């Protein structure tokens, strides 16, 4: 099964390709981005980007389902729904030059709409560091609820930091107004 191409008002969400590797490396390699992500090392090499793209390209029903966020200029971030299961993990990142424009809310809404339309799973989970209010706000706008405190291991920092984990049910997602900003 291959991922579809999704369109929003301002964005195209598409499968990642090896042509995205240099942009992934540059954007995730920014410490301000990588320091907020659990599994991303810092420094982040081109080889790291190629490995991640290859493992998402090997998508099957049990794999991570990752979409490149493209604003017409190329990849600017990514949104993924983790391995299939009772409550797959929902993750995302956006390059620093693109922060503060509502792009992540728009991209995330499109991917969640696709996910809930194509999957029997009715709940996803996600989390963000407590020091990242923008990411916490994205999750709340999408309808994520049931917050609980966790420690999140941040590979780029080599430490566990206070975070909040949330759940999103299909019913809660459908009850939310579409998020475009």
N, C-alpha and C. Protein backbone atom coordinates (compact mmCIF):
# COMPACT_ATOMS: atom_id res chain seq x y z
N UNK A 1 0.85 -1.18 0.00
CA UNK A 1 0.00 0.00 0.00
C UNK A 1 0.89 1.24 0.00
N UNK A 2 0.63 2.16 -0.89
CA UNK A 2 1.40 3.40 -0.90
C UNK A 2 0.53 4.52 -0.35
N UNK A 3 1.18 5.54 0.15
CA UNK A 3 0.46 6.67 0.70
C UNK A 3 -0.11 7.53 -0.42
N UNK A 4 -1.26 8.12 -0.18
CA UNK A 4 -1.84 9.01 -1.18
C UNK A 4 -1.18 10.39 -1.11
N UNK A 5 -1.50 11.23 -2.06
CA UNK A 5 -1.15 12.64 -2.01
C UNK A 5 -2.39 13.37 -1.52
N UNK A 6 -2.21 14.16 -0.45
CA UNK A 6 -3.31 14.91 0.14
C UNK A 6 -3.10 16.39 -0.16
N UNK A 7 -4.17 17.11 -0.42
CA UNK A 7 -4.08 18.55 -0.70
C UNK A 7 -4.89 19.32 0.34
N UNK A 8 -4.34 20.43 0.77
CA UNK A 8 -5.07 21.38 1.60
C UNK A 8 -5.05 22.72 0.87
N UNK A 9 -5.57 23.73 1.51
CA UNK A 9 -5.60 25.04 0.87
C UNK A 9 -4.21 25.53 0.48
N UNK A 10 -3.21 25.30 1.36
CA UNK A 10 -1.87 25.82 1.11
C UNK A 10 -0.80 24.77 0.91
N UNK A 11 -1.13 23.49 1.14
CA UNK A 11 -0.09 22.47 1.22
C UNK A 11 -0.43 21.23 0.40
N UNK A 12 0.63 20.51 0.05
CA UNK A 12 0.53 19.16 -0.48
C UNK A 12 1.23 18.25 0.51
N UNK A 13 0.55 17.18 0.89
CA UNK A 13 1.15 16.16 1.76
C UNK A 13 1.36 14.93 0.89
N UNK A 14 2.60 14.48 0.81
CA UNK A 14 2.97 13.43 -0.14
C UNK A 14 3.97 12.49 0.51
N UNK A 15 4.16 11.32 -0.11
CA UNK A 15 5.20 10.43 0.41
C UNK A 15 6.57 11.10 0.32
N UNK A 16 7.43 10.78 1.25
CA UNK A 16 8.81 11.25 1.22
C UNK A 16 9.57 10.56 0.10
N UNK A 17 10.55 11.25 -0.49
CA UNK A 17 11.42 10.65 -1.49
C UNK A 17 12.87 10.96 -1.12
N UNK A 18 13.79 10.23 -1.73
CA UNK A 18 15.21 10.49 -1.45
C UNK A 18 15.62 11.90 -1.87
N UNK A 19 14.89 12.51 -2.78
CA UNK A 19 15.18 13.89 -3.17
C UNK A 19 14.95 14.86 -2.00
N UNK A 20 14.22 14.42 -0.98
CA UNK A 20 13.96 15.26 0.20
C UNK A 20 15.08 15.21 1.23
N UNK A 21 16.06 14.34 1.05
CA UNK A 21 17.05 14.08 2.09
C UNK A 21 17.81 15.33 2.53
N UNK A 22 18.25 16.15 1.60
CA UNK A 22 19.01 17.33 1.99
C UNK A 22 18.16 18.33 2.76
N UNK A 23 16.89 18.48 2.36
CA UNK A 23 15.99 19.39 3.10
C UNK A 23 15.67 18.83 4.48
N UNK A 24 15.44 17.53 4.57
CA UNK A 24 15.19 16.92 5.88
C UNK A 24 16.39 17.17 6.78
N UNK A 25 17.59 16.90 6.27
CA UNK A 25 18.79 17.10 7.07
C UNK A 25 18.92 18.55 7.52
N UNK A 26 18.70 19.47 6.62
CA UNK A 26 18.85 20.89 6.97
C UNK A 26 17.81 21.34 7.99
N UNK A 27 16.56 20.95 7.81
CA UNK A 27 15.50 21.44 8.68
C UNK A 27 15.49 20.74 10.04
N UNK A 28 15.60 19.41 10.04
CA UNK A 28 15.63 18.68 11.32
C UNK A 28 16.99 18.86 11.99
N UNK A 29 18.01 19.13 11.19
CA UNK A 29 19.34 19.35 11.76
C UNK A 29 19.46 20.64 12.55
N UNK A 30 18.51 21.53 12.41
CA UNK A 30 18.48 22.75 13.23
C UNK A 30 18.19 22.33 14.67
N UNK A 31 19.07 22.67 15.58
CA UNK A 31 18.91 22.23 16.97
C UNK A 31 17.59 22.69 17.58
N UNK A 32 17.09 23.84 17.17
CA UNK A 32 15.82 24.30 17.71
C UNK A 32 14.67 23.36 17.34
N UNK A 33 14.81 22.62 16.26
CA UNK A 33 13.82 21.62 15.86
C UNK A 33 14.13 20.29 16.55
N UNK A 34 15.34 19.80 16.40
CA UNK A 34 15.68 18.46 16.92
C UNK A 34 15.56 18.38 18.44
N UNK A 35 15.78 19.47 19.14
CA UNK A 35 15.72 19.42 20.61
C UNK A 35 14.31 19.21 21.14
N UNK A 36 13.31 19.29 20.26
CA UNK A 36 11.92 19.07 20.67
C UNK A 36 11.40 17.69 20.28
N UNK A 37 12.21 16.90 19.58
CA UNK A 37 11.77 15.62 19.04
C UNK A 37 12.41 14.46 19.80
N UNK A 38 11.64 13.41 20.03
CA UNK A 38 12.14 12.33 20.88
C UNK A 38 13.21 11.48 20.22
N UNK A 39 13.07 11.10 18.97
CA UNK A 39 13.98 10.11 18.39
C UNK A 39 15.06 10.69 17.49
N UNK A 40 15.09 11.99 17.32
CA UNK A 40 16.02 12.62 16.37
C UNK A 40 17.34 12.95 17.05
N UNK A 41 18.45 12.47 16.49
CA UNK A 41 19.76 12.81 17.05
C UNK A 41 20.18 14.23 16.64
N UNK A 42 21.14 14.74 17.36
CA UNK A 42 21.78 16.00 16.95
C UNK A 42 23.27 15.84 17.20
N UNK A 43 24.12 16.08 16.24
CA UNK A 43 23.77 16.55 14.90
C UNK A 43 23.04 15.48 14.10
N UNK A 44 22.32 15.95 13.07
CA UNK A 44 21.53 15.09 12.20
C UNK A 44 22.19 15.08 10.83
N UNK A 45 22.59 13.91 10.38
CA UNK A 45 23.36 13.80 9.14
C UNK A 45 22.46 13.49 7.95
N UNK A 46 23.03 13.63 6.78
CA UNK A 46 22.31 13.23 5.57
C UNK A 46 22.01 11.73 5.62
N UNK A 47 22.93 10.94 6.16
CA UNK A 47 22.70 9.50 6.29
C UNK A 47 21.50 9.22 7.20
N UNK A 48 21.34 10.02 8.27
CA UNK A 48 20.15 9.87 9.12
C UNK A 48 18.89 10.12 8.32
N UNK A 49 18.92 11.17 7.50
CA UNK A 49 17.75 11.51 6.68
C UNK A 49 17.45 10.41 5.68
N UNK A 50 18.47 9.89 5.01
CA UNK A 50 18.27 8.82 4.03
C UNK A 50 17.70 7.58 4.72
N UNK A 51 18.23 7.22 5.88
CA UNK A 51 17.71 6.06 6.61
C UNK A 51 16.23 6.24 6.91
N UNK A 52 15.85 7.41 7.44
CA UNK A 52 14.45 7.65 7.80
C UNK A 52 13.55 7.62 6.57
N UNK A 53 13.96 8.26 5.50
CA UNK A 53 13.17 8.25 4.27
C UNK A 53 13.01 6.83 3.74
N UNK A 54 14.09 6.05 3.74
CA UNK A 54 14.01 4.67 3.26
C UNK A 54 13.07 3.82 4.11
N UNK A 55 13.11 4.01 5.43
CA UNK A 55 12.24 3.18 6.25
C UNK A 55 10.78 3.61 6.11
N UNK A 56 10.50 4.87 5.82
CA UNK A 56 9.11 5.26 5.57
C UNK A 56 8.68 4.85 4.17
N UNK A 57 9.61 4.81 3.22
CA UNK A 57 9.28 4.37 1.86
C UNK A 57 8.97 2.89 1.82
N UNK A 58 9.46 2.14 2.79
CA UNK A 58 9.18 0.71 2.88
C UNK A 58 7.84 0.48 3.58
N UNK A 59 7.01 1.52 3.58
CA UNK A 59 5.70 1.48 4.23
C UNK A 59 4.93 0.22 3.87
N UNK A 60 4.38 -0.36 4.91
CA UNK A 60 3.38 -1.40 4.71
C UNK A 60 2.34 -1.20 5.80
N UNK A 61 1.40 -2.06 5.89
CA UNK A 61 0.31 -1.86 6.84
C UNK A 61 0.79 -1.75 8.28
N UNK A 62 1.97 -2.26 8.59
CA UNK A 62 2.47 -2.23 9.96
C UNK A 62 3.52 -1.16 10.19
N UNK A 63 3.79 -0.31 9.21
CA UNK A 63 4.87 0.65 9.33
C UNK A 63 4.40 2.07 9.64
N UNK A 64 5.38 2.92 9.86
CA UNK A 64 5.11 4.34 10.05
C UNK A 64 4.57 4.91 8.74
N UNK A 65 3.56 5.73 8.84
CA UNK A 65 2.97 6.35 7.67
C UNK A 65 3.33 7.83 7.71
N UNK A 66 4.39 8.21 7.00
CA UNK A 66 4.94 9.56 7.07
C UNK A 66 4.70 10.32 5.78
N UNK A 67 4.22 11.53 5.92
CA UNK A 67 3.97 12.43 4.80
C UNK A 67 4.92 13.61 4.85
N UNK A 68 5.49 13.97 3.70
CA UNK A 68 6.23 15.22 3.57
C UNK A 68 5.21 16.34 3.48
N UNK A 69 5.48 17.43 4.17
CA UNK A 69 4.66 18.64 4.04
C UNK A 69 5.38 19.52 3.01
N UNK A 70 4.68 19.84 1.93
CA UNK A 70 5.28 20.61 0.84
C UNK A 70 4.42 21.84 0.59
N UNK A 71 5.03 23.01 0.65
CA UNK A 71 4.29 24.27 0.43
C UNK A 71 4.44 24.79 -0.99
N UNK A 72 4.97 23.96 -1.88
CA UNK A 72 5.21 24.36 -3.26
C UNK A 72 6.67 24.67 -3.52
N UNK A 73 7.43 24.90 -2.43
CA UNK A 73 8.87 25.16 -2.57
C UNK A 73 9.69 23.92 -2.25
N UNK A 74 9.02 22.85 -1.87
CA UNK A 74 9.70 21.63 -1.43
C UNK A 74 9.29 21.29 -0.01
N UNK A 75 9.90 20.26 0.52
CA UNK A 75 9.60 19.79 1.86
C UNK A 75 9.88 20.88 2.89
N UNK A 76 8.92 21.08 3.81
CA UNK A 76 9.10 22.03 4.92
C UNK A 76 8.91 21.37 6.27
N UNK A 77 8.49 20.10 6.28
CA UNK A 77 8.26 19.37 7.51
C UNK A 77 7.68 18.01 7.20
N UNK A 78 7.20 17.34 8.23
CA UNK A 78 6.62 16.01 8.06
C UNK A 78 5.58 15.75 9.13
N UNK A 79 4.62 14.90 8.79
CA UNK A 79 3.59 14.43 9.72
C UNK A 79 3.53 12.92 9.57
N UNK A 80 3.45 12.21 10.69
CA UNK A 80 3.37 10.75 10.60
C UNK A 80 2.40 10.17 11.61
N UNK A 81 1.84 9.04 11.21
CA UNK A 81 1.06 8.21 12.12
C UNK A 81 1.87 6.93 12.25
N UNK A 82 2.21 6.58 13.46
CA UNK A 82 3.11 5.46 13.70
C UNK A 82 2.54 4.12 13.33
N UNK A 83 3.26 3.10 13.70
CA UNK A 83 2.87 1.73 13.39
C UNK A 83 1.44 1.46 13.81
N UNK A 84 0.77 0.69 12.98
CA UNK A 84 -0.62 0.32 13.27
C UNK A 84 -0.70 -0.40 14.60
N UNK A 85 -1.76 -0.17 15.31
CA UNK A 85 -1.98 -0.79 16.61
C UNK A 85 -3.17 -0.14 17.26
N UNK A 86 -3.46 -0.52 18.48
CA UNK A 86 -4.65 0.02 19.13
C UNK A 86 -4.63 1.56 19.24
N UNK A 87 -3.47 2.14 19.47
CA UNK A 87 -3.35 3.59 19.61
C UNK A 87 -2.01 4.04 19.00
N UNK A 88 -1.94 4.14 17.66
CA UNK A 88 -0.67 4.54 17.06
C UNK A 88 -0.29 5.96 17.47
N UNK A 89 1.00 6.24 17.44
CA UNK A 89 1.51 7.54 17.83
C UNK A 89 1.51 8.49 16.64
N UNK A 90 1.08 9.71 16.88
CA UNK A 90 1.00 10.76 15.88
C UNK A 90 2.15 11.73 16.14
N UNK A 91 2.98 11.97 15.12
CA UNK A 91 4.13 12.85 15.30
C UNK A 91 4.26 13.84 14.16
N UNK A 92 5.04 14.88 14.40
CA UNK A 92 5.19 15.91 13.39
C UNK A 92 6.36 16.81 13.73
N UNK A 93 6.87 17.47 12.69
CA UNK A 93 7.87 18.51 12.87
C UNK A 93 7.77 19.46 11.69
N UNK A 94 8.19 20.67 11.92
CA UNK A 94 8.15 21.70 10.90
C UNK A 94 9.45 22.48 10.99
N UNK A 95 10.06 22.77 9.84
CA UNK A 95 11.28 23.56 9.82
C UNK A 95 11.06 24.93 10.45
N UNK A 96 12.05 25.42 11.16
CA UNK A 96 11.92 26.68 11.91
C UNK A 96 11.47 27.87 11.05
N UNK A 97 11.93 28.01 9.79
CA UNK A 97 11.47 29.15 9.00
C UNK A 97 9.95 29.16 8.75
N UNK A 98 9.27 28.06 9.03
CA UNK A 98 7.85 27.94 8.72
C UNK A 98 6.96 27.97 9.96
N UNK A 99 7.55 28.18 11.12
CA UNK A 99 6.79 28.23 12.37
C UNK A 99 5.88 29.45 12.41
N UNK A 100 4.79 29.32 13.15
CA UNK A 100 3.92 30.45 13.44
C UNK A 100 2.95 30.85 12.33
N UNK A 101 2.74 30.00 11.35
CA UNK A 101 1.85 30.33 10.23
C UNK A 101 0.60 29.44 10.17
N UNK A 102 0.44 28.55 11.15
CA UNK A 102 -0.70 27.64 11.12
C UNK A 102 -0.56 26.48 10.16
N UNK A 103 0.64 26.31 9.60
CA UNK A 103 0.85 25.25 8.61
C UNK A 103 0.74 23.86 9.23
N UNK A 104 1.26 23.70 10.45
CA UNK A 104 1.22 22.37 11.05
C UNK A 104 -0.20 21.96 11.39
N UNK A 105 -1.00 22.88 11.89
CA UNK A 105 -2.40 22.53 12.17
C UNK A 105 -3.11 22.08 10.90
N UNK A 106 -2.87 22.78 9.80
CA UNK A 106 -3.49 22.45 8.52
C UNK A 106 -3.02 21.07 8.03
N UNK A 107 -1.73 20.83 8.08
CA UNK A 107 -1.18 19.54 7.63
C UNK A 107 -1.65 18.39 8.52
N UNK A 108 -1.60 18.61 9.83
CA UNK A 108 -1.99 17.56 10.76
C UNK A 108 -3.46 17.19 10.60
N UNK A 109 -4.31 18.18 10.42
CA UNK A 109 -5.73 17.91 10.23
C UNK A 109 -5.96 17.04 8.99
N UNK A 110 -5.25 17.35 7.91
CA UNK A 110 -5.40 16.56 6.68
C UNK A 110 -4.96 15.11 6.88
N UNK A 111 -3.84 14.91 7.56
CA UNK A 111 -3.35 13.55 7.77
C UNK A 111 -4.28 12.78 8.71
N UNK A 112 -4.76 13.42 9.75
CA UNK A 112 -5.70 12.74 10.66
C UNK A 112 -7.01 12.40 9.94
N UNK A 113 -7.49 13.29 9.09
CA UNK A 113 -8.70 13.00 8.31
C UNK A 113 -8.47 11.76 7.46
N UNK A 114 -7.32 11.70 6.79
CA UNK A 114 -6.98 10.52 5.98
C UNK A 114 -6.90 9.28 6.87
N UNK A 115 -6.16 9.39 7.97
CA UNK A 115 -5.95 8.23 8.85
C UNK A 115 -7.28 7.66 9.33
N UNK A 116 -8.13 8.51 9.89
CA UNK A 116 -9.39 8.00 10.43
C UNK A 116 -10.32 7.49 9.33
N UNK A 117 -10.16 7.97 8.11
CA UNK A 117 -10.97 7.48 7.00
C UNK A 117 -10.50 6.15 6.43
N UNK A 118 -9.22 5.84 6.63
CA UNK A 118 -8.63 4.65 6.03
C UNK A 118 -8.31 3.53 7.01
N UNK A 119 -8.36 3.82 8.29
CA UNK A 119 -7.89 2.87 9.29
C UNK A 119 -9.01 2.45 10.23
N UNK A 120 -8.96 1.22 10.70
CA UNK A 120 -9.94 0.81 11.70
C UNK A 120 -9.63 1.38 13.10
N UNK A 121 -8.44 1.95 13.24
CA UNK A 121 -8.05 2.50 14.54
C UNK A 121 -8.90 3.73 14.84
N UNK A 122 -9.41 3.81 16.05
CA UNK A 122 -10.28 4.93 16.42
C UNK A 122 -9.64 5.86 17.45
N UNK A 123 -8.39 5.60 17.78
CA UNK A 123 -7.68 6.45 18.74
C UNK A 123 -6.22 6.55 18.32
N UNK A 124 -5.65 7.74 18.44
CA UNK A 124 -4.22 7.96 18.27
C UNK A 124 -3.72 8.71 19.49
N UNK A 125 -2.43 8.60 19.75
CA UNK A 125 -1.83 9.32 20.86
C UNK A 125 -0.74 10.25 20.32
N UNK A 126 -0.41 11.25 21.09
CA UNK A 126 0.68 12.14 20.75
C UNK A 126 1.11 12.85 22.01
N UNK A 127 2.25 13.48 21.95
CA UNK A 127 2.73 14.23 23.10
C UNK A 127 3.68 15.31 22.66
N UNK A 128 3.94 16.22 23.58
CA UNK A 128 4.87 17.31 23.32
C UNK A 128 5.51 17.73 24.63
N UNK A 129 6.71 18.26 24.50
CA UNK A 129 7.38 18.79 25.67
C UNK A 129 6.59 19.96 26.24
N UNK A 130 6.57 20.07 27.55
CA UNK A 130 5.86 21.17 28.19
C UNK A 130 6.46 22.52 27.83
N UNK A 131 7.73 22.55 27.44
CA UNK A 131 8.38 23.80 27.06
C UNK A 131 8.06 24.19 25.61
N UNK A 132 7.19 23.43 24.95
CA UNK A 132 6.85 23.69 23.55
C UNK A 132 5.35 24.03 23.44
N UNK A 133 4.96 25.23 23.86
CA UNK A 133 3.53 25.58 23.86
C UNK A 133 2.90 25.57 22.47
N UNK A 134 3.66 25.86 21.43
CA UNK A 134 3.09 25.84 20.08
C UNK A 134 2.64 24.43 19.70
N UNK A 135 3.45 23.43 20.01
CA UNK A 135 3.09 22.06 19.71
C UNK A 135 1.91 21.59 20.57
N UNK A 136 1.91 21.95 21.83
CA UNK A 136 0.79 21.60 22.70
C UNK A 136 -0.50 22.23 22.17
N UNK A 137 -0.41 23.45 21.65
CA UNK A 137 -1.57 24.14 21.10
C UNK A 137 -2.08 23.43 19.84
N UNK A 138 -1.19 22.97 18.98
CA UNK A 138 -1.60 22.22 17.79
C UNK A 138 -2.43 21.01 18.21
N UNK A 139 -1.95 20.27 19.19
CA UNK A 139 -2.66 19.06 19.62
C UNK A 139 -4.04 19.41 20.18
N UNK A 140 -4.11 20.44 20.99
CA UNK A 140 -5.41 20.82 21.57
C UNK A 140 -6.38 21.28 20.48
N UNK A 141 -5.89 22.04 19.49
CA UNK A 141 -6.76 22.51 18.40
C UNK A 141 -7.33 21.35 17.60
N UNK A 142 -6.57 20.28 17.49
CA UNK A 142 -7.02 19.10 16.73
C UNK A 142 -8.00 18.24 17.52
N UNK A 143 -8.18 18.52 18.81
CA UNK A 143 -9.11 17.76 19.63
C UNK A 143 -8.46 16.75 20.55
N UNK A 144 -7.11 16.70 20.59
CA UNK A 144 -6.44 15.79 21.52
C UNK A 144 -6.81 16.19 22.95
N UNK A 145 -7.05 15.19 23.78
CA UNK A 145 -7.50 15.43 25.15
C UNK A 145 -6.92 14.35 26.05
N UNK A 146 -7.44 14.25 27.25
CA UNK A 146 -6.99 13.28 28.24
C UNK A 146 -5.50 13.45 28.54
N UNK A 147 -5.08 14.69 28.87
CA UNK A 147 -3.65 14.94 29.10
C UNK A 147 -3.14 14.24 30.36
N UNK A 148 -1.93 13.74 30.27
CA UNK A 148 -1.27 13.25 31.47
C UNK A 148 0.23 13.49 31.35
N UNK A 149 0.83 13.73 32.49
CA UNK A 149 2.25 14.08 32.55
C UNK A 149 3.10 12.84 32.30
N UNK A 150 4.16 13.03 31.51
CA UNK A 150 5.13 11.98 31.25
C UNK A 150 6.51 12.61 31.22
N UNK A 151 7.52 11.76 31.22
CA UNK A 151 8.88 12.19 30.89
C UNK A 151 9.17 11.67 29.50
N UNK A 152 9.62 12.55 28.63
CA UNK A 152 9.89 12.18 27.25
C UNK A 152 11.40 12.18 27.03
N UNK A 153 11.93 11.07 26.55
CA UNK A 153 13.36 10.95 26.27
C UNK A 153 13.66 11.71 24.99
N UNK A 154 14.54 12.70 25.08
CA UNK A 154 14.91 13.53 23.93
C UNK A 154 16.34 13.18 23.54
N UNK A 155 16.46 12.47 22.43
CA UNK A 155 17.76 11.96 22.00
C UNK A 155 18.77 13.07 21.73
N UNK A 156 18.34 14.17 21.11
CA UNK A 156 19.26 15.26 20.79
C UNK A 156 19.87 15.89 22.04
N UNK A 157 19.15 15.82 23.15
CA UNK A 157 19.64 16.40 24.41
C UNK A 157 20.22 15.34 25.34
N UNK A 158 19.89 14.08 25.08
CA UNK A 158 20.37 13.02 25.95
C UNK A 158 19.76 13.07 27.34
N UNK A 159 18.50 13.48 27.43
CA UNK A 159 17.84 13.53 28.74
C UNK A 159 16.34 13.35 28.60
N UNK A 160 15.72 13.04 29.73
CA UNK A 160 14.27 12.91 29.82
C UNK A 160 13.72 14.22 30.35
N UNK A 161 12.69 14.74 29.67
CA UNK A 161 12.14 16.05 30.02
C UNK A 161 10.64 15.97 30.23
N UNK A 162 10.08 16.89 31.05
CA UNK A 162 8.64 16.90 31.29
C UNK A 162 7.86 17.17 30.00
N UNK A 163 6.83 16.35 29.81
CA UNK A 163 6.00 16.45 28.61
C UNK A 163 4.57 16.11 28.98
N UNK A 164 3.69 16.30 28.03
CA UNK A 164 2.29 15.93 28.20
C UNK A 164 1.89 15.01 27.06
N UNK A 165 1.27 13.91 27.41
CA UNK A 165 0.77 12.93 26.44
C UNK A 165 -0.74 13.09 26.34
N UNK A 166 -1.26 12.98 25.11
CA UNK A 166 -2.68 13.15 24.86
C UNK A 166 -3.21 11.98 24.03
N UNK A 167 -4.53 11.85 24.03
CA UNK A 167 -5.22 10.89 23.16
C UNK A 167 -6.21 11.66 22.30
N UNK A 168 -6.43 11.16 21.10
CA UNK A 168 -7.46 11.70 20.22
C UNK A 168 -8.31 10.55 19.73
N UNK A 169 -9.60 10.63 20.01
CA UNK A 169 -10.52 9.62 19.49
C UNK A 169 -11.15 10.13 18.20
N UNK A 170 -11.62 9.21 17.41
CA UNK A 170 -12.32 9.57 16.18
C UNK A 170 -13.49 10.48 16.48
N UNK A 171 -14.25 10.18 17.51
CA UNK A 171 -15.41 11.00 17.86
C UNK A 171 -15.00 12.43 18.21
N UNK A 172 -13.94 12.58 18.99
CA UNK A 172 -13.47 13.92 19.36
C UNK A 172 -12.96 14.67 18.14
N UNK A 173 -12.27 13.97 17.26
CA UNK A 173 -11.75 14.61 16.05
C UNK A 173 -12.90 15.08 15.16
N UNK A 174 -13.90 14.25 15.00
CA UNK A 174 -15.03 14.63 14.15
C UNK A 174 -15.85 15.76 14.76
N UNK A 175 -15.78 15.92 16.08
CA UNK A 175 -16.55 16.98 16.75
C UNK A 175 -15.88 18.35 16.60
N UNK A 176 -14.58 18.35 16.25
CA UNK A 176 -13.85 19.62 16.09
C UNK A 176 -14.15 20.25 14.76
N UNK A 177 -14.13 21.57 14.74
CA UNK A 177 -14.23 22.30 13.48
C UNK A 177 -12.92 22.10 12.74
N UNK A 178 -12.93 22.10 11.40
CA UNK A 178 -11.66 21.99 10.66
C UNK A 178 -10.70 23.09 11.08
N UNK A 179 -9.45 22.70 11.29
CA UNK A 179 -8.42 23.62 11.75
C UNK A 179 -7.58 24.04 10.54
N UNK A 180 -7.60 25.32 10.23
CA UNK A 180 -6.84 25.79 9.09
C UNK A 180 -5.81 26.83 9.48
N UNK A 181 -5.77 27.23 10.73
CA UNK A 181 -4.76 28.21 11.13
C UNK A 181 -4.36 27.99 12.57
